[in-house]
C-alpha atoms as a PDB file:
ATOM      1  CA  UNK A   1     -96.768   1.134  20.145  1.00  0.00           C
ATOM      2  CA  UNK A   2     -93.490   2.933  19.383  1.00  0.00           C
ATOM      3  CA  UNK A   3     -90.752   3.296  22.000  1.00  0.00           C
ATOM      4  CA  UNK A   4     -87.970   5.653  20.960  1.00  0.00           C
ATOM      5  CA  UNK A   5     -84.816   6.588  22.895  1.00  0.00           C
ATOM      6  CA  UNK A   6     -85.976   5.028  26.181  1.00  0.00           C
ATOM      7  CA  UNK A   7     -83.409   4.596  28.952  1.00  0.00           C
ATOM      8  CA  UNK A   8     -84.276   1.633  31.188  1.00  0.00           C
ATOM      9  CA  UNK A   9     -82.787  -0.501  33.919  1.00  0.00           C
ATOM     10  CA  UNK A  10     -83.452  -4.250  34.223  1.00  0.00           C
ATOM     11  CA  UNK A  11     -82.298  -5.861  37.478  1.00  0.00           C
ATOM     12  CA  UNK A  12     -82.458  -9.424  38.788  1.00  0.00           C
ATOM     13  CA  UNK A  13     -82.031  -9.125  42.565  1.00  0.00           C
ATOM     14  CA  UNK A  14     -80.225 -11.558  44.888  1.00  0.00           C
ATOM     15  CA  UNK A  15     -83.334 -13.810  44.893  1.00  0.00           C
ATOM     16  CA  UNK A  16     -83.459 -13.823  41.042  1.00  0.00           C
ATOM     17  CA  UNK A  17     -86.598 -11.689  41.060  1.00  0.00           C
ATOM     18  CA  UNK A  18     -86.898  -9.289  38.152  1.00  0.00           C
ATOM     19  CA  UNK A  19     -87.578  -5.659  39.077  1.00  0.00           C
ATOM     20  CA  UNK A  20     -90.421  -5.548  36.515  1.00  0.00           C
ATOM     21  CA  UNK A  21     -92.162  -8.446  38.287  1.00  0.00           C
ATOM     22  CA  UNK A  22     -92.212  -6.410  41.484  1.00  0.00           C
ATOM     23  CA  UNK A  23     -93.841  -3.446  39.737  1.00  0.00           C
ATOM     24  CA  UNK A  24     -96.515  -5.625  38.083  1.00  0.00           C
ATOM     25  CA  UNK A  25     -97.346  -7.461  41.322  1.00  0.00           C
ATOM     26  CA  UNK A  26     -97.653  -4.202  43.270  1.00  0.00           C
ATOM     27  CA  UNK A  27     -99.915  -2.807  40.533  1.00  0.00           C
ATOM     28  CA  UNK A  28    -102.086  -5.918  40.628  1.00  0.00           C
ATOM     29  CA  UNK A  29    -102.404  -5.765  44.423  1.00  0.00           C
ATOM     30  CA  UNK A  30    -103.783  -2.242  44.161  1.00  0.00           C
ATOM     31  CA  UNK A  31    -106.537  -3.461  41.797  1.00  0.00           C
ATOM     32  CA  UNK A  32    -108.542  -5.783  44.114  1.00  0.00           C
ATOM     33  CA  UNK A  33    -105.876  -8.512  43.933  1.00  0.00           C
ATOM     34  CA  UNK A  34    -106.754  -9.230  40.302  1.00  0.00           C
ATOM     35  CA  UNK A  35    -103.785 -10.025  38.045  1.00  0.00           C
ATOM     36  CA  UNK A  36    -103.069  -7.446  35.382  1.00  0.00           C
ATOM     37  CA  UNK A  37    -104.194  -8.436  31.908  1.00  0.00           C
ATOM     38  CA  UNK A  38    -102.063  -6.867  29.181  1.00  0.00           C
ATOM     39  CA  UNK A  39    -102.001  -7.467  25.430  1.00  0.00           C
ATOM     40  CA  UNK A  40    -100.017  -5.385  22.933  1.00  0.00           C
ATOM     41  CA  UNK A  41    -100.002  -6.441  19.275  1.00  0.00           C
ATOM     42  CA  UNK A  42     -96.721  -4.748  18.321  1.00  0.00           C
ATOM     43  CA  UNK A  43     -93.959  -2.792  20.050  1.00  0.00           C
ATOM     44  CA  UNK A  44     -91.413  -1.072  17.804  1.00  0.00           C
ATOM     45  CA  UNK A  45     -88.109  -0.118  19.463  1.00  0.00           C
ATOM     46  CA  UNK A  46     -85.801   2.553  18.073  1.00  0.00           C
ATOM     47  CA  UNK A  47     -82.457   3.681  19.539  1.00  0.00           C
ATOM     48  CA  UNK A  48     -83.176   2.542  23.111  1.00  0.00           C
ATOM     49  CA  UNK A  49     -80.673   2.067  25.941  1.00  0.00           C
ATOM     50  CA  UNK A  50     -80.695  -0.440  28.814  1.00  0.00           C
ATOM     51  CA  UNK A  51     -78.594  -1.078  31.902  1.00  0.00           C
ATOM     52  CA  UNK A  52     -78.806  -4.791  32.779  1.00  0.00           C
ATOM     53  CA  UNK A  53     -77.758  -6.289  36.130  1.00  0.00           C
ATOM     54  CA  UNK A  54     -77.982  -9.799  37.551  1.00  0.00           C
ATOM     55  CA  UNK A  55     -77.224  -9.684  41.270  1.00  0.00           C
ATOM     56  CA  UNK A  56     -78.221 -13.330  41.841  1.00  0.00           C
ATOM     57  CA  UNK A  57     -74.925 -14.671  40.462  1.00  0.00           C
ATOM     58  CA  UNK A  58     -71.894 -15.498  42.621  1.00  0.00           C
ATOM     59  CA  UNK A  59     -70.150 -12.639  40.822  1.00  0.00           C
ATOM     60  CA  UNK A  60     -72.823 -10.033  39.964  1.00  0.00           C
ATOM     61  CA  UNK A  61     -73.076  -9.172  36.265  1.00  0.00           C
ATOM     62  CA  UNK A  62     -73.535  -5.670  34.860  1.00  0.00           C
ATOM     63  CA  UNK A  63     -73.899  -4.648  31.223  1.00  0.00           C
ATOM     64  CA  UNK A  64     -74.858  -1.638  29.148  1.00  0.00           C
ATOM     65  CA  UNK A  65     -76.820  -2.201  25.933  1.00  0.00           C
ATOM     66  CA  UNK A  66     -77.117   0.680  23.458  1.00  0.00           C
ATOM     67  CA  UNK A  67     -78.896   1.381  20.176  1.00  0.00           C
ATOM     68  CA  UNK A  68     -81.549  -1.294  20.764  1.00  0.00           C
ATOM     69  CA  UNK A  69     -83.726  -1.531  17.652  1.00  0.00           C
ATOM     70  CA  UNK A  70     -86.370  -3.993  16.492  1.00  0.00           C
ATOM     71  CA  UNK A  71     -89.818  -5.219  17.394  1.00  0.00           C
ATOM     72  CA  UNK A  72     -91.757  -7.335  19.857  1.00  0.00           C
ATOM     73  CA  UNK A  73     -94.977  -8.879  18.558  1.00  0.00           C
ATOM     74  CA  UNK A  74     -97.957 -10.338  20.449  1.00  0.00           C
ATOM     75  CA  UNK A  75     -96.918  -9.331  23.992  1.00  0.00           C
ATOM     76  CA  UNK A  76     -99.440 -10.669  26.509  1.00  0.00           C
ATOM     77  CA  UNK A  77     -99.737 -11.654  30.160  1.00  0.00           C
ATOM     78  CA  UNK A  78    -102.164 -14.413  29.158  1.00  0.00           C
ATOM     79  CA  UNK A  79    -100.864 -18.011  29.453  1.00  0.00           C
ATOM     80  CA  UNK A  80     -99.877 -19.914  26.296  1.00  0.00           C
ATOM     81  CA  UNK A  81     -99.365 -16.745  24.238  1.00  0.00           C
ATOM     82  CA  UNK A  82     -96.599 -16.943  21.632  1.00  0.00           C
ATOM     83  CA  UNK A  83     -94.325 -13.904  21.653  1.00  0.00           C
ATOM     84  CA  UNK A  84     -92.137 -12.992  18.681  1.00  0.00           C
ATOM     85  CA  UNK A  85     -88.968 -10.937  19.193  1.00  0.00           C
ATOM     86  CA  UNK A  86     -86.569  -9.363  16.682  1.00  0.00           C
ATOM     87  CA  UNK A  87     -84.012  -7.138  18.463  1.00  0.00           C
ATOM     88  CA  UNK A  88     -80.435  -6.021  17.925  1.00  0.00           C
ATOM     89  CA  UNK A  89     -78.021  -3.554  19.483  1.00  0.00           C
ATOM     90  CA  UNK A  90     -74.550  -2.938  20.909  1.00  0.00           C
ATOM     91  CA  UNK A  91     -73.256  -4.389  24.183  1.00  0.00           C
ATOM     92  CA  UNK A  92     -70.704  -2.513  26.322  1.00  0.00           C
ATOM     93  CA  UNK A  93     -69.703  -0.356  23.313  1.00  0.00           C
ATOM     94  CA  UNK A  94     -67.666  -3.182  21.750  1.00  0.00           C
ATOM     95  CA  UNK A  95     -70.045  -6.103  21.204  1.00  0.00           C
ATOM     96  CA  UNK A  96     -73.162  -6.821  19.188  1.00  0.00           C
ATOM     97  CA  UNK A  97     -76.307  -8.763  20.035  1.00  0.00           C
ATOM     98  CA  UNK A  98     -79.209 -10.046  17.996  1.00  0.00           C
ATOM     99  CA  UNK A  99     -82.284 -11.841  19.349  1.00  0.00           C
ATOM    100  CA  UNK A 100     -84.675 -13.540  16.970  1.00  0.00           C
ATOM    101  CA  UNK A 101     -87.450 -15.942  17.760  1.00  0.00           C
END
């Protein structure tokens, strides 16, 4: 799966719940209360953008991450699945990040 130039927003609310968890749980509840089963062998990211917020902290944290490139391998909702991530990009227009593992 290729994801190019996606703009996304990741938010941890005041209870530390991730906004993506809410979407997945609501989707599962609409399907006879069965948990969603997802497996994607490879996700390639190219020039993506993300707004990240953590509202659970004493002082809420906000960040903008640009030019996210890399890959995510073996994504699955199944327990005990090993995920591999190789990502890099720019943080707040002046920093750099790299995730590998």
